[in-house]
Every structure is written in C-alpha cells, then in structure tokens.
Amino acid sequence: MFHCIVLDMSKLENTNIKVSSSSLNELQTRAASVAEQLALLSNTNRLLVLCHLLEGEQSVGDLQSQLELSQSALSQHLSKLRDAGMVATRRDRQTIFYRIADPRVQEMMEALYRIYCV
C-alpha cells in the first residue's frame, strides 16, 4: 500500500525539504508501480470492467453482455488486468469468474466511484 501526503505549500515557503536518497528511491519505485496501474486504468474498457467487478465476482459472459465487447476484446483486457495482478479468476466447470484481487485496486476503484459516479 502506498501513502500520499498532501502538503500545504503556503507553510513551506521558507522551509528546505530534504528527502533522503533511500526515501527518494522508495518513492520512485512506488510512483513507477502506481503509474503502471494508472496506465492500465486509462483504457475506458478496462476501467469499466473494474467498475462492474466492484459489484462482486462476475462471469466472462456477464461482463461481455454488460460491456457490449467482443469476446476477443474482453479477453485481451482481462488478460492485461490479470497479468498486472489486479483481477483473479475462478473456474466453475465451463464458466470463468473474475473478481478484483488487489485490495489497493478495490480501494482505488471505490474512490473513483465516489468522486466521479455518485
């Protein structure tokens, strides 16, 4: 999990802020990871997949009918999300179900929902 700190810049006018090299390296690593996740979310269809998965586990067929995507297109989006560890699968006979696997992704999607969808 990463933490963001919001600073009141007006209080920093005469303050020198120094970040240790180890802290800077850690921050850069975290920023790179977040940037990768946000890049995946910058695709409308992948964002919509995750929005639907906020409601809980869904089958590929259910996602396909809700999103009106071809099976091939949906499969590609789900594969990218799965490879990034954002979603996980469960198979029940012939049906594959997807769910959000990463609690950070769940929190991020809930925040996006609160900000933009309510």
PDB file of N, CA and C in Angstrom:
ATOM      1  N   MET A   1       0.850  -1.177   0.000  1.00  0.00           N
ATOM      2  CA  MET A   1       0.000   0.000   0.000  1.00  0.00           C
ATOM      3  C   MET A   1       0.890   1.233   0.000  1.00  0.00           C
ATOM      4  N   PHE A   2       0.473   2.244  -0.723  1.00  0.00           N
ATOM      5  CA  PHE A   2       1.235   3.480  -0.748  1.00  0.00           C
ATOM      6  C   PHE A   2       0.429   4.571  -0.062  1.00  0.00           C
ATOM      7  N   HIS A   3       1.151   5.531   0.456  1.00  0.00           N
ATOM      8  CA  HIS A   3       0.508   6.643   1.146  1.00  0.00           C
ATOM      9  C   HIS A   3       0.896   7.936   0.453  1.00  0.00           C
ATOM     10  N   CYS A   4      -0.056   8.804   0.289  1.00  0.00           N
ATOM     11  CA  CYS A   4       0.205  10.119  -0.291  1.00  0.00           C
ATOM     12  C   CYS A   4       0.025  11.157   0.803  1.00  0.00           C
ATOM     13  N   ILE A   5       0.884  12.135   0.805  1.00  0.00           N
ATOM     14  CA  ILE A   5       0.806  13.217   1.781  1.00  0.00           C
ATOM     15  C   ILE A   5       0.501  14.497   1.030  1.00  0.00           C
ATOM     16  N   VAL A   6      -0.545  15.174   1.444  1.00  0.00           N
ATOM     17  CA  VAL A   6      -0.892  16.456   0.846  1.00  0.00           C
ATOM     18  C   VAL A   6      -0.298  17.535   1.734  1.00  0.00           C
ATOM     19  N   LEU A   7       0.527  18.353   1.144  1.00  0.00           N
ATOM     20  CA  LEU A   7       1.195  19.413   1.891  1.00  0.00           C
ATOM     21  C   LEU A   7       0.551  20.758   1.610  1.00  0.00           C
ATOM     22  N   ASP A   8       0.472  21.581   2.633  1.00  0.00           N
ATOM     23  CA  ASP A   8       0.040  22.961   2.462  1.00  0.00           C
ATOM     24  C   ASP A   8       1.275  23.747   2.048  1.00  0.00           C
ATOM     25  N   MET A   9       1.398  24.040   0.758  1.00  0.00           N
ATOM     26  CA  MET A   9       2.596  24.673   0.218  1.00  0.00           C
ATOM     27  C   MET A   9       2.833  26.065   0.802  1.00  0.00           C
ATOM     28  N   SER A  10       1.796  26.740   1.285  1.00  0.00           N
ATOM     29  CA  SER A  10       1.974  28.079   1.850  1.00  0.00           C
ATOM     30  C   SER A  10       2.829  28.041   3.114  1.00  0.00           C
ATOM     31  N   LYS A  11       2.867  26.910   3.791  1.00  0.00           N
ATOM     32  CA  LYS A  11       3.656  26.777   5.008  1.00  0.00           C
ATOM     33  C   LYS A  11       5.100  26.389   4.717  1.00  0.00           C
ATOM     34  N   LEU A  12       5.417  26.144   3.463  1.00  0.00           N
ATOM     35  CA  LEU A  12       6.746  25.665   3.111  1.00  0.00           C
ATOM     36  C   LEU A  12       7.623  26.726   2.466  1.00  0.00           C
ATOM     37  N   GLU A  13       7.175  27.956   2.428  1.00  0.00           N
ATOM     38  CA  GLU A  13       7.905  28.998   1.721  1.00  0.00           C
ATOM     39  C   GLU A  13       9.344  29.129   2.182  1.00  0.00           C
ATOM     40  N   ASN A  14       9.594  29.113   3.467  1.00  0.00           N
ATOM     41  CA  ASN A  14      10.943  29.308   3.988  1.00  0.00           C
ATOM     42  C   ASN A  14      11.529  28.020   4.556  1.00  0.00           C
ATOM     43  N   THR A  15      11.008  26.901   4.134  1.00  0.00           N
ATOM     44  CA  THR A  15      11.460  25.620   4.653  1.00  0.00           C
ATOM     45  C   THR A  15      12.167  24.843   3.561  1.00  0.00           C
ATOM     46  N   ASN A  16      13.322  24.314   3.884  1.00  0.00           N
ATOM     47  CA  ASN A  16      14.025  23.435   2.953  1.00  0.00           C
ATOM     48  C   ASN A  16      13.622  22.003   3.270  1.00  0.00           C
ATOM     49  N   ILE A  17      13.094  21.309   2.266  1.00  0.00           N
ATOM     50  CA  ILE A  17      12.704  19.921   2.449  1.00  0.00           C
ATOM     51  C   ILE A  17      13.772  19.050   1.816  1.00  0.00           C
ATOM     52  N   LYS A  18      14.279  18.140   2.611  1.00  0.00           N
ATOM     53  CA  LYS A  18      15.288  17.224   2.096  1.00  0.00           C
ATOM     54  C   LYS A  18      14.729  15.811   2.166  1.00  0.00           C
ATOM     55  N   VAL A  19      14.870  15.102   1.069  1.00  0.00           N
ATOM     56  CA  VAL A  19      14.435  13.717   1.020  1.00  0.00           C
ATOM     57  C   VAL A  19      15.687  12.869   0.935  1.00  0.00           C
ATOM     58  N   SER A  20      15.804  11.915   1.843  1.00  0.00           N
ATOM     59  CA  SER A  20      16.988  11.054   1.810  1.00  0.00           C
ATOM     60  C   SER A  20      16.981  10.240   0.530  1.00  0.00           C
ATOM     61  N   SER A  21      18.158   9.809   0.110  1.00  0.00           N
ATOM     62  CA  SER A  21      18.244   9.050  -1.141  1.00  0.00           C
ATOM     63  C   SER A  21      17.477   7.744  -1.041  1.00  0.00           C
ATOM     64  N   SER A  22      17.452   7.112   0.136  1.00  0.00           N
ATOM     65  CA  SER A  22      16.692   5.868   0.272  1.00  0.00           C
ATOM     66  C   SER A  22      15.193   6.142   0.189  1.00  0.00           C
ATOM     67  N   SER A  23      14.736   7.241   0.793  1.00  0.00           N
ATOM     68  CA  SER A  23      13.322   7.607   0.700  1.00  0.00           C
ATOM     69  C   SER A  23      12.949   7.962  -0.727  1.00  0.00           C
ATOM     70  N   LEU A  24      13.843   8.661  -1.409  1.00  0.00           N
ATOM     71  CA  LEU A  24      13.587   9.035  -2.791  1.00  0.00           C
ATOM     72  C   LEU A  24      13.509   7.800  -3.676  1.00  0.00           C
ATOM     73  N   ASN A  25      14.404   6.849  -3.459  1.00  0.00           N
ATOM     74  CA  ASN A  25      14.372   5.607  -4.234  1.00  0.00           C
ATOM     75  C   ASN A  25      13.074   4.848  -4.003  1.00  0.00           C
ATOM     76  N   GLU A  26      12.643   4.777  -2.750  1.00  0.00           N
ATOM     77  CA  GLU A  26      11.392   4.095  -2.425  1.00  0.00           C
ATOM     78  C   GLU A  26      10.208   4.815  -3.073  1.00  0.00           C
ATOM     79  N   LEU A  27      10.206   6.130  -3.007  1.00  0.00           N
ATOM     80  CA  LEU A  27       9.138   6.917  -3.612  1.00  0.00           C
ATOM     81  C   LEU A  27       9.106   6.723  -5.124  1.00  0.00           C
ATOM     82  N   GLN A  28      10.277   6.692  -5.750  1.00  0.00           N
ATOM     83  CA  GLN A  28      10.341   6.480  -7.197  1.00  0.00           C
ATOM     84  C   GLN A  28       9.823   5.100  -7.574  1.00  0.00           C
ATOM     85  N   THR A  29      10.162   4.093  -6.785  1.00  0.00           N
ATOM     86  CA  THR A  29       9.678   2.737  -7.041  1.00  0.00           C
ATOM     87  C   THR A  29       8.163   2.680  -6.923  1.00  0.00           C
ATOM     88  N   ARG A  30       7.639   3.285  -5.877  1.00  0.00           N
ATOM     89  CA  ARG A  30       6.184   3.306  -5.687  1.00  0.00           C
ATOM     90  C   ARG A  30       5.497   4.088  -6.805  1.00  0.00           C
ATOM     91  N   ALA A  31       6.087   5.207  -7.180  1.00  0.00           N
ATOM     92  CA  ALA A  31       5.499   6.028  -8.244  1.00  0.00           C
ATOM     93  C   ALA A  31       5.461   5.256  -9.553  1.00  0.00           C
ATOM     94  N   ALA A  32       6.503   4.501  -9.839  1.00  0.00           N
ATOM     95  CA  ALA A  32       6.533   3.703 -11.070  1.00  0.00           C
ATOM     96  C   ALA A  32       5.443   2.642 -11.054  1.00  0.00           C
ATOM     97  N   SER A  33       5.244   2.008  -9.912  1.00  0.00           N
ATOM     98  CA  SER A  33       4.200   0.990  -9.781  1.00  0.00           C
ATOM     99  C   SER A  33       2.812   1.597  -9.957  1.00  0.00           C
ATOM    100  N   VAL A  34       2.589   2.737  -9.320  1.00  0.00           N
ATOM    101  CA  VAL A  34       1.294   3.421  -9.439  1.00  0.00           C
ATOM    102  C   VAL A  34       1.060   3.862 -10.883  1.00  0.00           C
ATOM    103  N   ALA A  35       2.098   4.367 -11.533  1.00  0.00           N
ATOM    104  CA  ALA A  35       1.971   4.807 -12.927  1.00  0.00           C
ATOM    105  C   ALA A  35       1.573   3.647 -13.834  1.00  0.00           C
ATOM    106  N   GLU A  36       2.127   2.459 -13.581  1.00  0.00           N
ATOM    107  CA  GLU A  36       1.754   1.284 -14.372  1.00  0.00           C
ATOM    108  C   GLU A  36       0.281   0.948 -14.178  1.00  0.00           C
ATOM    109  N   GLN A  37      -0.178   0.987 -12.927  1.00  0.00           N
ATOM    110  CA  GLN A  37      -1.588   0.691 -12.665  1.00  0.00           C
ATOM    111  C   GLN A  37      -2.495   1.740 -13.305  1.00  0.00           C
ATOM    112  N   LEU A  38      -2.120   2.995 -13.178  1.00  0.00           N
ATOM    113  CA  LEU A  38      -2.947   4.049 -13.766  1.00  0.00           C
ATOM    114  C   LEU A  38      -2.963   3.960 -15.287  1.00  0.00           C
ATOM    115  N   ALA A  39      -1.859   3.533 -15.887  1.00  0.00           N
ATOM    116  CA  ALA A  39      -1.822   3.356 -17.341  1.00  0.00           C
ATOM    117  C   ALA A  39      -2.831   2.292 -17.763  1.00  0.00           C
ATOM    118  N   LEU A  40      -2.938   1.223 -16.995  1.00  0.00           N
ATOM    119  CA  LEU A  40      -3.934   0.196 -17.310  1.00  0.00           C
ATOM    120  C   LEU A  40      -5.350   0.749 -17.177  1.00  0.00           C
ATOM    121  N   LEU A  41      -5.554   1.605 -16.190  1.00  0.00           N
ATOM    122  CA  LEU A  41      -6.884   2.175 -15.959  1.00  0.00           C
ATOM    123  C   LEU A  41      -7.222   3.282 -16.943  1.00  0.00           C
ATOM    124  N   SER A  42      -6.253   3.734 -17.712  1.00  0.00           N
ATOM    125  CA  SER A  42      -6.530   4.817 -18.660  1.00  0.00           C
ATOM    126  C   SER A  42      -7.324   4.338 -19.866  1.00  0.00           C
ATOM    127  N   ASN A  43      -7.514   3.029 -19.984  1.00  0.00           N
ATOM    128  CA  ASN A  43      -8.344   2.481 -21.048  1.00  0.00           C
ATOM    129  C   ASN A  43      -9.784   2.400 -20.552  1.00  0.00           C
ATOM    130  N   THR A  44     -10.691   2.987 -21.299  1.00  0.00           N
ATOM    131  CA  THR A  44     -12.100   3.048 -20.891  1.00  0.00           C
ATOM    132  C   THR A  44     -12.679   1.673 -20.605  1.00  0.00           C
ATOM    133  N   ASN A  45     -12.409   0.708 -21.475  1.00  0.00           N
ATOM    134  CA  ASN A  45     -12.996  -0.622 -21.293  1.00  0.00           C
ATOM    135  C   ASN A  45     -12.455  -1.330 -20.057  1.00  0.00           C
ATOM    136  N   ARG A  46     -11.163  -1.202 -19.784  1.00  0.00           N
ATOM    137  CA  ARG A  46     -10.612  -1.829 -18.578  1.00  0.00           C
ATOM    138  C   ARG A  46     -11.159  -1.150 -17.328  1.00  0.00           C
ATOM    139  N   LEU A  47     -11.319   0.152 -17.388  1.00  0.00           N
ATOM    140  CA  LEU A  47     -11.906   0.875 -16.261  1.00  0.00           C
ATOM    141  C   LEU A  47     -13.338   0.400 -16.014  1.00  0.00           C
ATOM    142  N   LEU A  48     -14.091   0.216 -17.089  1.00  0.00           N
ATOM    143  CA  LEU A  48     -15.465  -0.270 -16.952  1.00  0.00           C
ATOM    144  C   LEU A  48     -15.519  -1.699 -16.420  1.00  0.00           C
ATOM    145  N   VAL A  49     -14.578  -2.542 -16.845  1.00  0.00           N
ATOM    146  CA  VAL A  49     -14.516  -3.909 -16.310  1.00  0.00           C
ATOM    147  C   VAL A  49     -14.372  -3.846 -14.798  1.00  0.00           C
ATOM    148  N   LEU A  50     -13.434  -3.039 -14.323  1.00  0.00           N
ATOM    149  CA  LEU A  50     -13.212  -2.937 -12.880  1.00  0.00           C
ATOM    150  C   LEU A  50     -14.407  -2.317 -12.168  1.00  0.00           C
ATOM    151  N   CYS A  51     -15.083  -1.376 -12.807  1.00  0.00           N
ATOM    152  CA  CYS A  51     -16.305  -0.804 -12.215  1.00  0.00           C
ATOM    153  C   CYS A  51     -17.355  -1.891 -12.006  1.00  0.00           C
ATOM    154  N   HIS A  52     -17.528  -2.752 -12.997  1.00  0.00           N
ATOM    155  CA  HIS A  52     -18.500  -3.843 -12.864  1.00  0.00           C
ATOM    156  C   HIS A  52     -18.059  -4.844 -11.799  1.00  0.00           C
ATOM    157  N   LEU A  53     -16.768  -5.068 -11.677  1.00  0.00           N
ATOM    158  CA  LEU A  53     -16.276  -6.014 -10.679  1.00  0.00           C
ATOM    159  C   LEU A  53     -16.353  -5.459  -9.262  1.00  0.00           C
ATOM    160  N   LEU A  54     -16.562  -4.148  -9.115  1.00  0.00           N
ATOM    161  CA  LEU A  54     -16.798  -3.587  -7.781  1.00  0.00           C
ATOM    162  C   LEU A  54     -18.044  -4.196  -7.156  1.00  0.00           C
ATOM    163  N   GLU A  55     -18.984  -4.604  -8.001  1.00  0.00           N
ATOM    164  CA  GLU A  55     -20.226  -5.209  -7.517  1.00  0.00           C
ATOM    165  C   GLU A  55     -20.009  -6.634  -7.042  1.00  0.00           C
ATOM    166  N   GLY A  56     -18.841  -7.195  -7.324  1.00  0.00           N
ATOM    167  CA  GLY A  56     -18.536  -8.566  -6.928  1.00  0.00           C
ATOM    168  C   GLY A  56     -18.124  -9.396  -8.127  1.00  0.00           C
ATOM    169  N   GLU A  57     -17.859 -10.641  -7.851  1.00  0.00           N
ATOM    170  CA  GLU A  57     -17.401 -11.576  -8.869  1.00  0.00           C
ATOM    171  C   GLU A  57     -18.403 -11.672 -10.019  1.00  0.00           C
ATOM    172  N   GLN A  58     -17.875 -11.716 -11.247  1.00  0.00           N
ATOM    173  CA  GLN A  58     -18.743 -11.787 -12.428  1.00  0.00           C
ATOM    174  C   GLN A  58     -18.154 -12.772 -13.427  1.00  0.00           C
ATOM    175  N   SER A  59     -19.025 -13.438 -14.151  1.00  0.00           N
ATOM    176  CA  SER A  59     -18.561 -14.348 -15.196  1.00  0.00           C
ATOM    177  C   SER A  59     -18.152 -13.542 -16.420  1.00  0.00           C
ATOM    178  N   VAL A  60     -17.342 -14.166 -17.260  1.00  0.00           N
ATOM    179  CA  VAL A  60     -16.927 -13.515 -18.501  1.00  0.00           C
ATOM    180  C   VAL A  60     -18.155 -13.186 -19.344  1.00  0.00           C
ATOM    181  N   GLY A  61     -19.108 -14.103 -19.400  1.00  0.00           N
ATOM    182  CA  GLY A  61     -20.333 -13.873 -20.174  1.00  0.00           C
ATOM    183  C   GLY A  61     -21.125 -12.677 -19.673  1.00  0.00           C
ATOM    184  N   ASP A  62     -21.223 -12.551 -18.348  1.00  0.00           N
ATOM    185  CA  ASP A  62     -21.934 -11.399 -17.772  1.00  0.00           C
ATOM    186  C   ASP A  62     -21.219 -10.096 -18.111  1.00  0.00           C
ATOM    187  N   LEU A  63     -19.901 -10.096 -17.965  1.00  0.00           N
ATOM    188  CA  LEU A  63     -19.131  -8.895 -18.302  1.00  0.00           C
ATOM    189  C   LEU A  63     -19.295  -8.547 -19.775  1.00  0.00           C
ATOM    190  N   GLN A  64     -19.254  -9.562 -20.619  1.00  0.00           N
ATOM    191  CA  GLN A  64     -19.360  -9.331 -22.061  1.00  0.00           C
ATOM    192  C   GLN A  64     -20.705  -8.704 -22.415  1.00  0.00           C
ATOM    193  N   SER A  65     -21.780  -9.198 -21.825  1.00  0.00           N
ATOM    194  CA  SER A  65     -23.098  -8.640 -22.153  1.00  0.00           C
ATOM    195  C   SER A  65     -23.277  -7.236 -21.584  1.00  0.00           C
ATOM    196  N   GLN A  66     -22.719  -6.967 -20.414  1.00  0.00           N
ATOM    197  CA  GLN A  66     -22.851  -5.640 -19.812  1.00  0.00           C
ATOM    198  C   GLN A  66     -22.027  -4.595 -20.550  1.00  0.00           C
ATOM    199  N   LEU A  67     -20.859  -5.006 -21.033  1.00  0.00           N
ATOM    200  CA  LEU A  67     -19.942  -4.059 -21.668  1.00  0.00           C
ATOM    201  C   LEU A  67     -20.100  -3.988 -23.177  1.00  0.00           C
ATOM    202  N   GLU A  68     -20.833  -4.930 -23.731  1.00  0.00           N
ATOM    203  CA  GLU A  68     -21.043  -4.987 -25.183  1.00  0.00           C
ATOM    204  C   GLU A  68     -19.714  -5.001 -25.938  1.00  0.00           C
ATOM    205  N   LEU A  69     -18.784  -5.817 -25.454  1.00  0.00           N
ATOM    206  CA  LEU A  69     -17.494  -6.010 -26.109  1.00  0.00           C
ATOM    207  C   LEU A  69     -17.472  -7.386 -26.754  1.00  0.00           C
ATOM    208  N   SER A  70     -16.672  -7.520 -27.793  1.00  0.00           N
ATOM    209  CA  SER A  70     -16.494  -8.851 -28.373  1.00  0.00           C
ATOM    210  C   SER A  70     -15.756  -9.719 -27.362  1.00  0.00           C
ATOM    211  N   GLN A  71     -15.908 -11.022 -27.509  1.00  0.00           N
ATOM    212  CA  GLN A  71     -15.234 -11.951 -26.613  1.00  0.00           C
ATOM    213  C   GLN A  71     -13.726 -11.749 -26.685  1.00  0.00           C
ATOM    214  N   SER A  72     -13.221 -11.528 -27.877  1.00  0.00           N
ATOM    215  CA  SER A  72     -11.789 -11.341 -28.085  1.00  0.00           C
ATOM    216  C   SER A  72     -11.281 -10.078 -27.386  1.00  0.00           C
ATOM    217  N   ALA A  73     -11.991  -8.977 -27.552  1.00  0.00           N
ATOM    218  CA  ALA A  73     -11.578  -7.710 -26.933  1.00  0.00           C
ATOM    219  C   ALA A  73     -11.616  -7.814 -25.411  1.00  0.00           C
ATOM    220  N   LEU A  74     -12.697  -8.387 -24.881  1.00  0.00           N
ATOM    221  CA  LEU A  74     -12.812  -8.531 -23.430  1.00  0.00           C
ATOM    222  C   LEU A  74     -11.696  -9.425 -22.898  1.00  0.00           C
ATOM    223  N   SER A  75     -11.418 -10.497 -23.602  1.00  0.00           N
ATOM    224  CA  SER A  75     -10.361 -11.415 -23.193  1.00  0.00           C
ATOM    225  C   SER A  75      -9.012 -10.708 -23.102  1.00  0.00           C
ATOM    226  N   GLN A  76      -8.724  -9.844 -24.054  1.00  0.00           N
ATOM    227  CA  GLN A  76      -7.458  -9.105 -24.036  1.00  0.00           C
ATOM    228  C   GLN A  76      -7.382  -8.159 -22.837  1.00  0.00           C
ATOM    229  N   HIS A  77      -8.482  -7.469 -22.560  1.00  0.00           N
ATOM    230  CA  HIS A  77      -8.500  -6.549 -21.416  1.00  0.00           C
ATOM    231  C   HIS A  77      -8.355  -7.316 -20.100  1.00  0.00           C
ATOM    232  N   LEU A  78      -9.079  -8.419 -19.966  1.00  0.00           N
ATOM    233  CA  LEU A  78      -8.994  -9.216 -18.746  1.00  0.00           C
ATOM    234  C   LEU A  78      -7.596  -9.799 -18.563  1.00  0.00           C
ATOM    235  N   SER A  79      -6.977 -10.192 -19.649  1.00  0.00           N
ATOM    236  CA  SER A  79      -5.622 -10.739 -19.592  1.00  0.00           C
ATOM    237  C   SER A  79      -4.633  -9.702 -19.061  1.00  0.00           C
ATOM    238  N   LYS A  80      -4.746  -8.475 -19.528  1.00  0.00           N
ATOM    239  CA  LYS A  80      -3.852  -7.409 -19.048  1.00  0.00           C
ATOM    240  C   LYS A  80      -4.073  -7.135 -17.562  1.00  0.00           C
ATOM    241  N   LEU A  81      -5.327  -7.102 -17.148  1.00  0.00           N
ATOM    242  CA  LEU A  81      -5.631  -6.865 -15.734  1.00  0.00           C
ATOM    243  C   LEU A  81      -5.153  -8.032 -14.871  1.00  0.00           C
ATOM    244  N   ARG A  82      -5.308  -9.250 -15.379  1.00  0.00           N
ATOM    245  CA  ARG A  82      -4.858 -10.442 -14.652  1.00  0.00           C
ATOM    246  C   ARG A  82      -3.329 -10.467 -14.546  1.00  0.00           C
ATOM    247  N   ASP A  83      -2.648 -10.174 -15.648  1.00  0.00           N
ATOM    248  CA  ASP A  83      -1.178 -10.151 -15.641  1.00  0.00           C
ATOM    249  C   ASP A  83      -0.629  -9.115 -14.660  1.00  0.00           C
ATOM    250  N   ALA A  84      -1.364  -8.037 -14.463  1.00  0.00           N
ATOM    251  CA  ALA A  84      -0.945  -6.988 -13.526  1.00  0.00           C
ATOM    252  C   ALA A  84      -1.329  -7.315 -12.082  1.00  0.00           C
ATOM    253  N   GLY A  85      -2.039  -8.423 -11.877  1.00  0.00           N
ATOM    254  CA  GLY A  85      -2.450  -8.811 -10.534  1.00  0.00           C
ATOM    255  C   GLY A  85      -3.645  -8.046 -10.017  1.00  0.00           C
ATOM    256  N   MET A  86      -4.320  -7.329 -10.899  1.00  0.00           N
ATOM    257  CA  MET A  86      -5.478  -6.536 -10.470  1.00  0.00           C
ATOM    258  C   MET A  86      -6.726  -7.392 -10.306  1.00  0.00           C
ATOM    259  N   VAL A  87      -6.851  -8.428 -11.119  1.00  0.00           N
ATOM    260  CA  VAL A  87      -8.000  -9.324 -11.036  1.00  0.00           C
ATOM    261  C   VAL A  87      -7.511 -10.765 -10.930  1.00  0.00           C
ATOM    262  N   ALA A  88      -8.385 -11.614 -10.438  1.00  0.00           N
ATOM    263  CA  ALA A  88      -8.092 -13.043 -10.330  1.00  0.00           C
ATOM    264  C   ALA A  88      -9.288 -13.811 -10.872  1.00  0.00           C
ATOM    265  N   THR A  89      -9.063 -15.083 -11.159  1.00  0.00           N
ATOM    266  CA  THR A  89     -10.114 -15.907 -11.754  1.00  0.00           C
ATOM    267  C   THR A  89     -10.464 -17.085 -10.861  1.00  0.00           C
ATOM    268  N   ARG A  90     -11.651 -17.599 -11.129  1.00  0.00           N
ATOM    269  CA  ARG A  90     -12.122 -18.839 -10.526  1.00  0.00           C
ATOM    270  C   ARG A  90     -12.915 -19.554 -11.605  1.00  0.00           C
ATOM    271  N   ARG A  91     -12.662 -20.846 -11.767  1.00  0.00           N
ATOM    272  CA  ARG A  91     -13.380 -21.628 -12.773  1.00  0.00           C
ATOM    273  C   ARG A  91     -14.404 -22.515 -12.076  1.00  0.00           C
ATOM    274  N   ASP A  92     -15.613 -22.522 -12.613  1.00  0.00           N
ATOM    275  CA  ASP A  92     -16.663 -23.428 -12.157  1.00  0.00           C
ATOM    276  C   ASP A  92     -17.178 -24.144 -13.397  1.00  0.00           C
ATOM    277  N   ARG A  93     -16.716 -25.356 -13.596  1.00  0.00           N
ATOM    278  CA  ARG A  93     -16.992 -26.145 -14.803  1.00  0.00           C
ATOM    279  C   ARG A  93     -16.512 -25.394 -16.035  1.00  0.00           C
ATOM    280  N   GLN A  94     -17.434 -24.948 -16.878  1.00  0.00           N
ATOM    281  CA  GLN A  94     -17.062 -24.258 -18.115  1.00  0.00           C
ATOM    282  C   GLN A  94     -17.004 -22.738 -17.961  1.00  0.00           C
ATOM    283  N   THR A  95     -17.399 -22.237 -16.804  1.00  0.00           N
ATOM    284  CA  THR A  95     -17.521 -20.790 -16.618  1.00  0.00           C
ATOM    285  C   THR A  95     -16.333 -20.241 -15.840  1.00  0.00           C
ATOM    286  N   ILE A  96     -15.792 -19.133 -16.329  1.00  0.00           N
ATOM    287  CA  ILE A  96     -14.701 -18.447 -15.636  1.00  0.00           C
ATOM    288  C   ILE A  96     -15.255 -17.177 -15.010  1.00  0.00           C
ATOM    289  N   PHE A  97     -14.981 -17.013 -13.733  1.00  0.00           N
ATOM    290  CA  PHE A  97     -15.423 -15.843 -12.991  1.00  0.00           C
ATOM    291  C   PHE A  97     -14.219 -14.966 -12.668  1.00  0.00           C
ATOM    292  N   TYR A  98     -14.424 -13.666 -12.715  1.00  0.00           N
ATOM    293  CA  TYR A  98     -13.377 -12.691 -12.381  1.00  0.00           C
ATOM    294  C   TYR A  98     -13.794 -11.893 -11.163  1.00  0.00           C
ATOM    295  N   ARG A  99     -12.790 -11.488 -10.413  1.00  0.00           N
ATOM    296  CA  ARG A  99     -13.006 -10.623  -9.252  1.00  0.00           C
ATOM    297  C   ARG A  99     -11.784  -9.722  -9.103  1.00  0.00           C
ATOM    298  N   ILE A 100     -11.954  -8.613  -8.411  1.00  0.00           N
ATOM    299  CA  ILE A 100     -10.813  -7.751  -8.101  1.00  0.00           C
ATOM    300  C   ILE A 100      -9.971  -8.480  -7.060  1.00  0.00           C
ATOM    301  N   ALA A 101      -8.685  -8.633  -7.349  1.00  0.00           N
ATOM    302  CA  ALA A 101      -7.802  -9.416  -6.484  1.00  0.00           C
ATOM    303  C   ALA A 101      -6.971  -8.561  -5.540  1.00  0.00           C
ATOM    304  N   ASP A 102      -6.672  -7.355  -5.933  1.00  0.00           N
ATOM    305  CA  ASP A 102      -5.766  -6.496  -5.170  1.00  0.00           C
ATOM    306  C   ASP A 102      -6.590  -5.509  -4.348  1.00  0.00           C
ATOM    307  N   PRO A 103      -6.472  -5.542  -3.022  1.00  0.00           N
ATOM    308  CA  PRO A 103      -7.255  -4.625  -2.189  1.00  0.00           C
ATOM    309  C   PRO A 103      -6.988  -3.155  -2.507  1.00  0.00           C
ATOM    310  N   ARG A 104      -5.767  -2.840  -2.972  1.00  0.00           N
ATOM    311  CA  ARG A 104      -5.460  -1.453  -3.345  1.00  0.00           C
ATOM    312  C   ARG A 104      -6.278  -1.035  -4.558  1.00  0.00           C
ATOM    313  N   VAL A 105      -6.459  -1.952  -5.490  1.00  0.00           N
ATOM    314  CA  VAL A 105      -7.277  -1.668  -6.676  1.00  0.00           C
ATOM    315  C   VAL A 105      -8.729  -1.478  -6.253  1.00  0.00           C
ATOM    316  N   GLN A 106      -9.198  -2.309  -5.334  1.00  0.00           N
ATOM    317  CA  GLN A 106     -10.559  -2.179  -4.811  1.00  0.00           C
ATOM    318  C   GLN A 106     -10.749  -0.788  -4.200  1.00  0.00           C
ATOM    319  N   GLU A 107      -9.807  -0.365  -3.362  1.00  0.00           N
ATOM    320  CA  GLU A 107      -9.897   0.955  -2.725  1.00  0.00           C
ATOM    321  C   GLU A 107      -9.846   2.076  -3.753  1.00  0.00           C
ATOM    322  N   MET A 108      -8.962   1.936  -4.727  1.00  0.00           N
ATOM    323  CA  MET A 108      -8.825   2.964  -5.760  1.00  0.00           C
ATOM    324  C   MET A 108     -10.116   3.083  -6.571  1.00  0.00           C
ATOM    325  N   MET A 109     -10.696   1.938  -6.933  1.00  0.00           N
ATOM    326  CA  MET A 109     -11.928   1.964  -7.722  1.00  0.00           C
ATOM    327  C   MET A 109     -13.087   2.531  -6.900  1.00  0.00           C
ATOM    328  N   GLU A 110     -13.137   2.193  -5.626  1.00  0.00           N
ATOM    329  CA  GLU A 110     -14.181   2.754  -4.759  1.00  0.00           C
ATOM    330  C   GLU A 110     -14.037   4.267  -4.663  1.00  0.00           C
ATOM    331  N   ALA A 111     -12.799   4.743  -4.556  1.00  0.00           N
ATOM    332  CA  ALA A 111     -12.561   6.192  -4.501  1.00  0.00           C
ATOM    333  C   ALA A 111     -12.971   6.853  -5.809  1.00  0.00           C
ATOM    334  N   LEU A 112     -12.605   6.262  -6.929  1.00  0.00           N
ATOM    335  CA  LEU A 112     -13.006   6.812  -8.231  1.00  0.00           C
ATOM    336  C   LEU A 112     -14.524   6.837  -8.358  1.00  0.00           C
ATOM    337  N   TYR A 113     -15.171   5.787  -7.875  1.00  0.00           N
ATOM    338  CA  TYR A 113     -16.631   5.729  -7.923  1.00  0.00           C
ATOM    339  C   TYR A 113     -17.237   6.863  -7.096  1.00  0.00           C
ATOM    340  N   ARG A 114     -16.718   7.044  -5.866  1.00  0.00           N
ATOM    341  CA  ARG A 114     -17.245   8.113  -5.000  1.00  0.00           C
ATOM    342  C   ARG A 114     -17.047   9.485  -5.632  1.00  0.00           C
ATOM    343  N   ILE A 115     -15.907   9.698  -6.265  1.00  0.00           N
ATOM    344  CA  ILE A 115     -15.589  11.008  -6.826  1.00  0.00           C
ATOM    345  C   ILE A 115     -16.372  11.287  -8.104  1.00  0.00           C
ATOM    346  N   TYR A 116     -16.458  10.298  -8.981  1.00  0.00           N
ATOM    347  CA  TYR A 116     -16.983  10.548 -10.322  1.00  0.00           C
ATOM    348  C   TYR A 116     -18.363   9.976 -10.610  1.00  0.00           C
ATOM    349  N   CYS A 117     -18.822   9.028  -9.817  1.00  0.00           N
ATOM    350  CA  CYS A 117     -20.057   8.326 -10.188  1.00  0.00           C
ATOM    351  C   CYS A 117     -21.222   8.582  -9.248  1.00  0.00           C
ATOM    352  N   VAL A 118     -21.002   9.227  -8.137  1.00  0.00           N
ATOM    353  CA  VAL A 118     -22.085   9.435  -7.170  1.00  0.00           C
ATOM    354  C   VAL A 118     -22.598  10.849  -7.285  1.00  0.00           C
TER     355      VAL A 118
END
